[in-house]
Amino acid sequence: MSELAMTEDNSFLIGRPWDINDINLPQDIKQTDVFREWTDSYIKLIYSCNDKNAQRHLSGWAMKNTNNHNSRILKKSCLGVVVCSNDCTAAGGRKMHLRPAICDKARQKQQKKECPNCNAPLSLLCCKGNSGYPVTNFWRQEGPYIFFQVGSETQEHAGDFIHAQFIT
């Protein structure tokens, strides 16, 4: 599906709007979406249940499974990005953006480390969406489809994190 044909609620593509919390999700899908690792803003996508990346609930953002009272929906929250407290620039002109650890204990340990570029303390820049709420991704498999919905728009820019490094 081309993004040009997509409306905010996919209503043009499937004939009616849907929400991840709907009791019944549409099954009259004409074409599924191509997997997108870096999603942002309020978006709804429908993947084939055979899509390996969708099966893994893959995201370029560092995400953590969070409590959801609906067992049919997987809810994942964005963890943010670890940055240099000096806001230093690495060789080549890139800012230091590090992917945070998923585990709480490892993430706390990570923040006690020094920037590999300038030795300043590292700091976690939380991933906040509209009104400061965490950015959440919702996944639900229904029939031959995996429905995906982003709950809010991130305030950070994905391009800054695509080449993020891992420090544990």
N, C-alpha and C. Protein backbone atom coordinates (compact mmCIF):
# COMPACT_ATOMS: atom_id res chain seq x y z
N MET A 1 0.84 -1.18 0.00
CA MET A 1 0.00 0.00 0.00
C MET A 1 0.88 1.23 0.00
N SER A 2 0.56 2.15 -0.79
CA SER A 2 1.36 3.37 -0.78
C SER A 2 0.84 4.29 0.32
N GLU A 3 1.75 5.04 0.91
CA GLU A 3 1.34 5.96 1.96
C GLU A 3 0.42 7.04 1.42
N LEU A 4 0.53 7.34 0.14
CA LEU A 4 -0.33 8.35 -0.43
C LEU A 4 -1.79 7.94 -0.40
N ALA A 5 -2.03 6.65 -0.47
CA ALA A 5 -3.40 6.16 -0.47
C ALA A 5 -3.94 5.97 0.95
N MET A 6 -3.07 6.07 1.94
CA MET A 6 -3.48 5.78 3.31
C MET A 6 -4.07 7.01 3.97
N THR A 7 -5.20 6.83 4.62
CA THR A 7 -5.75 7.90 5.45
C THR A 7 -5.34 7.60 6.87
N GLU A 8 -5.57 8.56 7.77
CA GLU A 8 -5.15 8.39 9.16
C GLU A 8 -5.77 7.14 9.78
N ASP A 9 -6.99 6.82 9.44
CA ASP A 9 -7.64 5.67 10.05
C ASP A 9 -7.80 4.49 9.10
N ASN A 10 -7.10 4.49 8.00
CA ASN A 10 -7.14 3.42 7.00
C ASN A 10 -8.52 3.25 6.36
N SER A 11 -9.42 4.20 6.56
CA SER A 11 -10.79 4.02 6.08
C SER A 11 -10.85 3.93 4.56
N PHE A 12 -9.98 4.62 3.86
CA PHE A 12 -9.97 4.56 2.39
C PHE A 12 -9.56 3.18 1.90
N LEU A 13 -8.67 2.55 2.65
CA LEU A 13 -8.11 1.29 2.21
C LEU A 13 -9.00 0.09 2.49
N ILE A 14 -9.71 0.10 3.60
CA ILE A 14 -10.47 -1.09 3.97
C ILE A 14 -11.97 -0.85 4.04
N GLY A 15 -12.40 0.33 3.72
CA GLY A 15 -13.83 0.58 3.65
C GLY A 15 -14.45 1.10 4.92
N ARG A 16 -13.77 0.96 6.07
CA ARG A 16 -14.32 1.52 7.30
C ARG A 16 -13.20 1.75 8.30
N PRO A 17 -13.36 2.74 9.17
CA PRO A 17 -12.32 2.99 10.18
C PRO A 17 -12.31 1.87 11.23
N TRP A 18 -11.19 1.72 11.89
CA TRP A 18 -11.06 0.73 12.95
C TRP A 18 -10.17 1.28 14.05
N ASP A 19 -10.28 0.67 15.22
CA ASP A 19 -9.43 0.99 16.35
C ASP A 19 -8.97 -0.34 16.95
N ILE A 20 -7.77 -0.37 17.48
CA ILE A 20 -7.19 -1.59 18.02
C ILE A 20 -8.06 -2.20 19.12
N ASN A 21 -8.87 -1.38 19.79
CA ASN A 21 -9.73 -1.85 20.88
C ASN A 21 -11.09 -2.34 20.41
N ASP A 22 -11.38 -2.23 19.13
CA ASP A 22 -12.67 -2.70 18.61
C ASP A 22 -12.84 -4.19 18.91
N ILE A 23 -14.06 -4.59 19.19
CA ILE A 23 -14.33 -6.00 19.44
C ILE A 23 -14.04 -6.82 18.19
N ASN A 24 -14.51 -6.35 17.05
CA ASN A 24 -14.27 -7.02 15.77
C ASN A 24 -13.46 -6.10 14.87
N LEU A 25 -12.36 -6.62 14.38
CA LEU A 25 -11.54 -5.87 13.44
C LEU A 25 -11.86 -6.33 12.03
N PRO A 26 -11.68 -5.46 11.05
CA PRO A 26 -12.05 -5.82 9.67
C PRO A 26 -11.25 -7.01 9.16
N GLN A 27 -11.89 -7.83 8.38
CA GLN A 27 -11.24 -8.99 7.77
C GLN A 27 -11.33 -8.92 6.25
N ASP A 28 -11.89 -7.84 5.74
CA ASP A 28 -12.05 -7.67 4.29
C ASP A 28 -10.92 -6.82 3.73
N ILE A 29 -9.69 -7.14 4.11
CA ILE A 29 -8.51 -6.38 3.72
C ILE A 29 -8.14 -6.72 2.28
N LYS A 30 -8.00 -5.69 1.46
CA LYS A 30 -7.65 -5.92 0.06
C LYS A 30 -6.15 -6.11 -0.12
N GLN A 31 -5.36 -5.41 0.70
CA GLN A 31 -3.90 -5.48 0.59
C GLN A 31 -3.31 -5.08 1.94
N THR A 32 -2.29 -5.82 2.38
CA THR A 32 -1.66 -5.49 3.65
C THR A 32 -0.54 -4.47 3.45
N ASP A 33 -0.14 -3.86 4.54
CA ASP A 33 0.91 -2.85 4.49
C ASP A 33 2.29 -3.49 4.45
N VAL A 34 3.25 -2.77 3.89
CA VAL A 34 4.66 -3.17 3.93
C VAL A 34 5.17 -2.79 5.32
N PHE A 35 5.94 -3.68 5.94
CA PHE A 35 6.39 -3.44 7.30
C PHE A 35 7.23 -2.17 7.40
N ARG A 36 6.99 -1.40 8.44
CA ARG A 36 7.74 -0.16 8.70
C ARG A 36 8.35 -0.25 10.09
N GLU A 37 9.68 -0.22 10.14
CA GLU A 37 10.38 -0.33 11.42
C GLU A 37 10.29 0.97 12.22
N TRP A 38 10.36 2.10 11.56
CA TRP A 38 10.36 3.40 12.23
C TRP A 38 9.01 4.06 12.01
N THR A 39 8.08 3.81 12.91
CA THR A 39 6.76 4.45 12.81
C THR A 39 6.71 5.63 13.76
N ASP A 40 5.94 6.60 13.41
CA ASP A 40 5.77 7.77 14.24
C ASP A 40 4.39 8.34 13.99
N SER A 41 3.91 9.06 14.91
CA SER A 41 2.61 9.73 14.89
C SER A 41 1.48 8.72 14.97
N TYR A 42 0.29 9.23 14.93
CA TYR A 42 -0.89 8.37 15.00
C TYR A 42 -1.02 7.64 13.67
N ILE A 43 -0.71 6.37 13.69
CA ILE A 43 -0.78 5.60 12.45
C ILE A 43 -1.35 4.22 12.76
N LYS A 44 -2.07 3.70 11.79
CA LYS A 44 -2.62 2.35 11.89
C LYS A 44 -2.18 1.59 10.65
N LEU A 45 -1.61 0.40 10.88
CA LEU A 45 -1.14 -0.43 9.79
C LEU A 45 -1.70 -1.84 9.95
N ILE A 46 -1.85 -2.52 8.85
CA ILE A 46 -2.32 -3.90 8.87
C ILE A 46 -1.30 -4.74 8.13
N TYR A 47 -0.71 -5.69 8.86
CA TYR A 47 0.30 -6.56 8.29
C TYR A 47 -0.26 -7.97 8.11
N SER A 48 0.34 -8.71 7.23
CA SER A 48 0.02 -10.13 7.09
C SER A 48 0.55 -10.85 8.32
N CYS A 49 -0.17 -11.86 8.79
CA CYS A 49 0.33 -12.62 9.94
C CYS A 49 1.56 -13.44 9.57
N ASN A 50 1.91 -13.49 8.29
CA ASN A 50 3.13 -14.18 7.83
C ASN A 50 4.36 -13.27 7.81
N ASP A 51 4.17 -11.98 8.08
CA ASP A 51 5.28 -11.03 8.08
C ASP A 51 6.12 -11.26 9.34
N LYS A 52 7.37 -11.69 9.15
CA LYS A 52 8.24 -12.07 10.27
C LYS A 52 8.51 -10.89 11.21
N ASN A 53 8.69 -9.70 10.66
CA ASN A 53 8.94 -8.53 11.52
C ASN A 53 7.71 -8.19 12.35
N ALA A 54 6.55 -8.29 11.77
CA ALA A 54 5.31 -8.03 12.52
C ALA A 54 5.10 -9.10 13.58
N GLN A 55 5.43 -10.34 13.27
CA GLN A 55 5.31 -11.42 14.25
C GLN A 55 6.18 -11.15 15.47
N ARG A 56 7.34 -10.53 15.25
CA ARG A 56 8.29 -10.23 16.34
C ARG A 56 7.94 -8.92 17.05
N HIS A 57 6.93 -8.21 16.56
CA HIS A 57 6.56 -6.90 17.11
C HIS A 57 7.76 -5.97 17.10
N LEU A 58 8.49 -6.00 15.99
CA LEU A 58 9.74 -5.26 15.82
C LEU A 58 9.49 -3.76 15.75
N SER A 59 10.38 -3.01 16.34
CA SER A 59 10.34 -1.55 16.25
C SER A 59 11.76 -1.03 16.30
N GLY A 60 12.04 0.02 15.54
CA GLY A 60 13.34 0.67 15.61
C GLY A 60 13.53 1.38 16.93
N TRP A 61 12.42 1.83 17.51
CA TRP A 61 12.47 2.47 18.82
C TRP A 61 12.74 1.41 19.88
N ALA A 62 13.40 1.78 20.96
CA ALA A 62 13.58 0.87 22.09
C ALA A 62 12.25 0.81 22.82
N MET A 63 11.63 -0.35 22.80
CA MET A 63 10.29 -0.52 23.36
C MET A 63 10.32 -1.56 24.48
N LYS A 64 9.39 -1.41 25.41
CA LYS A 64 9.27 -2.34 26.53
C LYS A 64 7.81 -2.77 26.64
N ASN A 65 7.59 -4.07 26.83
CA ASN A 65 6.22 -4.54 27.06
C ASN A 65 5.69 -3.89 28.32
N THR A 66 4.47 -3.39 28.27
CA THR A 66 3.87 -2.74 29.43
C THR A 66 2.53 -3.38 29.72
N ASN A 67 2.07 -3.17 30.91
CA ASN A 67 0.83 -3.77 31.37
C ASN A 67 -0.34 -3.31 30.50
N ASN A 68 -1.12 -4.28 30.08
CA ASN A 68 -2.33 -3.97 29.34
C ASN A 68 -3.41 -4.89 29.87
N HIS A 69 -4.55 -4.34 30.15
CA HIS A 69 -5.61 -5.13 30.75
C HIS A 69 -6.40 -5.92 29.73
N ASN A 70 -6.05 -5.80 28.48
CA ASN A 70 -6.69 -6.59 27.43
C ASN A 70 -5.66 -7.60 26.92
N SER A 71 -5.85 -8.86 27.24
CA SER A 71 -4.86 -9.88 26.89
C SER A 71 -4.74 -10.11 25.39
N ARG A 72 -5.68 -9.63 24.61
CA ARG A 72 -5.62 -9.81 23.15
C ARG A 72 -4.75 -8.76 22.48
N ILE A 73 -4.38 -7.71 23.22
CA ILE A 73 -3.59 -6.62 22.66
C ILE A 73 -2.26 -6.53 23.39
N LEU A 74 -1.16 -6.54 22.62
CA LEU A 74 0.17 -6.34 23.18
C LEU A 74 0.45 -4.84 23.17
N LYS A 75 0.80 -4.32 24.33
CA LYS A 75 1.09 -2.89 24.46
C LYS A 75 2.57 -2.73 24.76
N LYS A 76 3.25 -1.89 23.98
CA LYS A 76 4.67 -1.64 24.18
C LYS A 76 4.87 -0.12 24.28
N SER A 77 5.69 0.28 25.24
CA SER A 77 5.96 1.71 25.45
C SER A 77 7.40 2.04 25.07
N CYS A 78 7.57 3.21 24.48
CA CYS A 78 8.88 3.68 24.06
C CYS A 78 9.70 4.07 25.29
N LEU A 79 10.98 3.70 25.29
CA LEU A 79 11.86 3.98 26.42
C LEU A 79 12.65 5.27 26.27
N GLY A 80 12.69 5.83 25.09
CA GLY A 80 13.44 7.06 24.88
C GLY A 80 14.80 6.80 24.26
N VAL A 81 15.74 7.65 24.60
CA VAL A 81 17.09 7.53 24.06
C VAL A 81 18.07 8.04 25.12
N VAL A 82 19.23 7.41 25.18
CA VAL A 82 20.28 7.85 26.09
C VAL A 82 21.15 8.85 25.33
N VAL A 83 21.37 10.00 25.95
CA VAL A 83 22.14 11.07 25.30
C VAL A 83 23.29 11.50 26.21
N CYS A 84 24.23 12.17 25.63
CA CYS A 84 25.34 12.76 26.38
C CYS A 84 24.82 14.01 27.09
N SER A 85 25.09 14.13 28.38
CA SER A 85 24.62 15.32 29.12
C SER A 85 25.34 16.58 28.66
N ASN A 86 26.47 16.43 27.97
CA ASN A 86 27.21 17.56 27.39
C ASN A 86 26.69 17.94 26.02
N ASP A 87 25.81 17.12 25.46
CA ASP A 87 25.29 17.31 24.10
C ASP A 87 26.45 17.38 23.10
N CYS A 88 27.43 16.48 23.31
CA CYS A 88 28.63 16.51 22.46
C CYS A 88 28.34 15.97 21.06
N THR A 89 29.27 16.22 20.19
CA THR A 89 29.20 15.74 18.81
C THR A 89 30.37 14.79 18.57
N ALA A 90 30.06 13.63 18.01
CA ALA A 90 31.09 12.63 17.73
C ALA A 90 31.83 13.00 16.45
N ALA A 91 32.90 12.29 16.19
CA ALA A 91 33.63 12.49 14.94
C ALA A 91 32.66 12.28 13.78
N GLY A 92 32.71 13.13 12.81
CA GLY A 92 31.79 13.04 11.69
C GLY A 92 30.59 13.95 11.86
N GLY A 93 30.47 14.64 13.01
CA GLY A 93 29.41 15.62 13.21
C GLY A 93 28.10 15.08 13.74
N ARG A 94 28.05 13.82 14.12
CA ARG A 94 26.79 13.25 14.62
C ARG A 94 26.69 13.43 16.13
N LYS A 95 25.48 13.69 16.60
CA LYS A 95 25.22 13.76 18.03
C LYS A 95 25.25 12.36 18.61
N MET A 96 25.59 12.25 19.87
CA MET A 96 25.62 10.96 20.54
C MET A 96 24.21 10.58 20.98
N HIS A 97 23.64 9.58 20.36
CA HIS A 97 22.34 9.03 20.71
C HIS A 97 22.52 7.54 20.89
N LEU A 98 22.22 7.04 22.07
CA LEU A 98 22.44 5.64 22.38
C LEU A 98 21.10 4.97 22.68
N ARG A 99 20.96 3.77 22.18
CA ARG A 99 19.73 3.02 22.42
C ARG A 99 19.71 2.55 23.88
N PRO A 100 18.63 2.85 24.61
CA PRO A 100 18.59 2.43 26.01
C PRO A 100 18.37 0.92 26.14
N ALA A 101 18.87 0.38 27.22
CA ALA A 101 18.65 -1.03 27.52
C ALA A 101 17.17 -1.24 27.84
N ILE A 102 16.65 -2.42 27.53
CA ILE A 102 15.23 -2.71 27.75
C ILE A 102 14.96 -2.97 29.23
N CYS A 103 15.84 -3.70 29.89
CA CYS A 103 15.68 -4.06 31.30
C CYS A 103 15.91 -2.82 32.19
N ASP A 104 15.03 -2.62 33.18
CA ASP A 104 15.13 -1.45 34.06
C ASP A 104 16.49 -1.37 34.75
N LYS A 105 16.94 -2.48 35.30
CA LYS A 105 18.22 -2.50 36.03
C LYS A 105 19.38 -2.18 35.09
N ALA A 106 19.38 -2.77 33.91
CA ALA A 106 20.44 -2.51 32.93
C ALA A 106 20.40 -1.06 32.46
N ARG A 107 19.20 -0.50 32.32
CA ARG A 107 19.07 0.89 31.88
C ARG A 107 19.61 1.84 32.95
N GLN A 108 19.35 1.53 34.24
CA GLN A 108 19.90 2.35 35.32
C GLN A 108 21.42 2.28 35.34
N LYS A 109 21.96 1.09 35.13
CA LYS A 109 23.41 0.89 35.08
C LYS A 109 24.00 1.66 33.89
N GLN A 110 23.29 1.63 32.77
CA GLN A 110 23.75 2.31 31.56
C GLN A 110 23.88 3.81 31.80
N GLN A 111 22.94 4.38 32.56
CA GLN A 111 22.96 5.82 32.80
C GLN A 111 24.07 6.25 33.75
N LYS A 112 24.70 5.31 34.42
CA LYS A 112 25.83 5.62 35.30
C LYS A 112 27.15 5.64 34.53
N LYS A 113 27.09 5.25 33.27
CA LYS A 113 28.30 5.21 32.45
C LYS A 113 28.59 6.60 31.89
N GLU A 114 29.79 6.71 31.34
CA GLU A 114 30.21 7.97 30.74
C GLU A 114 30.03 7.92 29.23
N CYS A 115 29.88 9.08 28.65
CA CYS A 115 29.79 9.20 27.20
C CYS A 115 31.09 8.66 26.59
N PRO A 116 31.00 7.78 25.61
CA PRO A 116 32.21 7.24 25.00
C PRO A 116 33.00 8.28 24.21
N ASN A 117 32.40 9.42 23.97
CA ASN A 117 33.05 10.46 23.17
C ASN A 117 33.76 11.50 24.04
N CYS A 118 33.09 11.96 25.12
CA CYS A 118 33.67 13.07 25.91
C CYS A 118 33.75 12.77 27.40
N ASN A 119 33.31 11.58 27.82
CA ASN A 119 33.35 11.15 29.22
C ASN A 119 32.40 11.89 30.15
N ALA A 120 31.46 12.66 29.61
CA ALA A 120 30.43 13.30 30.43
C ALA A 120 29.41 12.23 30.83
N PRO A 121 28.62 12.48 31.87
CA PRO A 121 27.60 11.50 32.26
C PRO A 121 26.54 11.33 31.16
N LEU A 122 26.02 10.11 31.05
CA LEU A 122 24.92 9.85 30.13
C LEU A 122 23.60 10.16 30.83
N SER A 123 22.61 10.49 30.05
CA SER A 123 21.31 10.85 30.59
C SER A 123 20.21 10.25 29.71
N LEU A 124 19.13 9.80 30.33
CA LEU A 124 18.01 9.24 29.58
C LEU A 124 17.03 10.34 29.22
N LEU A 125 16.81 10.51 27.93
CA LEU A 125 15.81 11.45 27.43
C LEU A 125 14.57 10.61 27.17
N CYS A 126 13.57 10.79 28.02
CA CYS A 126 12.36 9.97 27.91
C CYS A 126 11.64 10.23 26.60
N CYS A 127 11.02 9.19 26.12
CA CYS A 127 10.24 9.25 24.88
C CYS A 127 8.84 9.72 25.25
N LYS A 128 8.53 10.96 24.93
CA LYS A 128 7.23 11.51 25.29
C LYS A 128 6.45 11.86 24.05
N GLY A 129 5.19 11.58 24.10
CA GLY A 129 4.30 11.93 23.01
C GLY A 129 3.51 13.17 23.37
N ASN A 130 2.35 13.27 22.80
CA ASN A 130 1.48 14.41 23.06
C ASN A 130 1.14 14.51 24.54
N SER A 131 1.18 15.70 25.08
CA SER A 131 0.87 15.99 26.48
C SER A 131 1.79 15.26 27.45
N GLY A 132 2.96 14.81 26.99
CA GLY A 132 3.92 14.18 27.87
C GLY A 132 3.67 12.71 28.16
N TYR A 133 2.62 12.14 27.59
CA TYR A 133 2.34 10.72 27.81
C TYR A 133 3.33 9.88 27.03
N PRO A 134 3.65 8.68 27.53
CA PRO A 134 4.57 7.81 26.79
C PRO A 134 4.01 7.42 25.43
N VAL A 135 4.89 7.25 24.48
CA VAL A 135 4.49 6.78 23.16
C VAL A 135 4.25 5.28 23.27
N THR A 136 3.11 4.83 22.80
CA THR A 136 2.78 3.41 22.91
C THR A 136 2.46 2.83 21.55
N ASN A 137 2.88 1.59 21.36
CA ASN A 137 2.54 0.82 20.18
C ASN A 137 1.63 -0.32 20.62
N PHE A 138 0.61 -0.58 19.84
CA PHE A 138 -0.33 -1.65 20.15
C PHE A 138 -0.33 -2.65 19.00
N TRP A 139 -0.29 -3.95 19.35
CA TRP A 139 -0.26 -5.03 18.38
C TRP A 139 -1.38 -6.00 18.69
N ARG A 140 -2.06 -6.47 17.65
CA ARG A 140 -3.13 -7.45 17.86
C ARG A 140 -3.26 -8.34 16.64
N GLN A 141 -3.19 -9.64 16.85
CA GLN A 141 -3.40 -10.56 15.74
C GLN A 141 -4.85 -11.00 15.75
N GLU A 142 -5.46 -10.88 14.60
CA GLU A 142 -6.86 -11.25 14.43
C GLU A 142 -6.99 -11.91 13.07
N GLY A 143 -7.27 -13.20 13.07
CA GLY A 143 -7.37 -13.93 11.81
C GLY A 143 -6.02 -13.92 11.11
N PRO A 144 -6.01 -13.68 9.80
CA PRO A 144 -4.75 -13.70 9.05
C PRO A 144 -3.98 -12.37 9.08
N TYR A 145 -4.35 -11.47 9.98
CA TYR A 145 -3.76 -10.13 10.00
C TYR A 145 -3.20 -9.78 11.37
N ILE A 146 -2.18 -8.93 11.35
CA ILE A 146 -1.65 -8.33 12.56
C ILE A 146 -1.94 -6.84 12.45
N PHE A 147 -2.74 -6.34 13.37
CA PHE A 147 -3.12 -4.93 13.38
C PHE A 147 -2.15 -4.19 14.28
N PHE A 148 -1.71 -3.04 13.82
CA PHE A 148 -0.71 -2.24 14.53
C PHE A 148 -1.22 -0.81 14.62
N GLN A 149 -1.09 -0.23 15.81
CA GLN A 149 -1.55 1.15 16.00
C GLN A 149 -0.58 1.85 16.94
N VAL A 150 -0.15 3.05 16.57
CA VAL A 150 0.68 3.88 17.43
C VAL A 150 -0.25 4.81 18.18
N GLY A 151 -0.07 4.86 19.52
CA GLY A 151 -0.99 5.62 20.36
C GLY A 151 -0.71 7.10 20.44
N SER A 152 0.48 7.56 20.10
CA SER A 152 0.77 8.99 20.14
C SER A 152 2.02 9.29 19.32
N GLU A 153 2.25 10.55 19.12
CA GLU A 153 3.36 10.99 18.29
C GLU A 153 4.58 11.29 19.15
N THR A 154 5.75 10.83 18.72
CA THR A 154 6.97 11.10 19.50
C THR A 154 7.43 12.54 19.27
N GLN A 155 8.07 13.09 20.29
CA GLN A 155 8.60 14.44 20.17
C GLN A 155 10.01 14.43 19.61
N GLU A 156 10.64 13.24 19.58
CA GLU A 156 11.99 13.12 19.03
C GLU A 156 11.90 12.79 17.55
N HIS A 157 13.00 12.86 16.86
CA HIS A 157 13.05 12.56 15.43
C HIS A 157 13.71 11.21 15.22
N ALA A 158 13.04 10.32 14.50
CA ALA A 158 13.56 8.96 14.30
C ALA A 158 14.92 8.94 13.63
N GLY A 159 15.17 9.86 12.75
CA GLY A 159 16.43 9.89 12.03
C GLY A 159 17.62 10.00 12.95
N ASP A 160 17.42 10.62 14.12
CA ASP A 160 18.50 10.75 15.09
C ASP A 160 18.87 9.42 15.71
N PHE A 161 17.95 8.45 15.71
CA PHE A 161 18.17 7.21 16.43
C PHE A 161 18.50 6.05 15.51
N ILE A 162 18.34 6.20 14.24
CA ILE A 162 18.51 5.08 13.33
C ILE A 162 19.91 4.47 13.46
N HIS A 163 20.89 5.29 13.69
CA HIS A 163 22.25 4.78 13.84
C HIS A 163 22.68 4.76 15.29
N ALA A 164 21.71 4.57 16.19
CA ALA A 164 22.02 4.56 17.62
C ALA A 164 22.96 3.42 17.96
N GLN A 165 23.79 3.66 18.95
CA GLN A 165 24.73 2.65 19.40
C GLN A 165 24.16 1.96 20.64
N PHE A 166 24.68 0.80 20.93
CA PHE A 166 24.27 0.07 22.13
C PHE A 166 25.39 0.16 23.15
N ILE A 167 25.07 0.60 24.35
CA ILE A 167 26.04 0.61 25.45
C ILE A 167 25.35 -0.08 26.61
N THR A 168 25.93 -1.15 27.10
CA THR A 168 25.32 -1.86 28.23
C THR A 168 26.28 -1.93 29.39
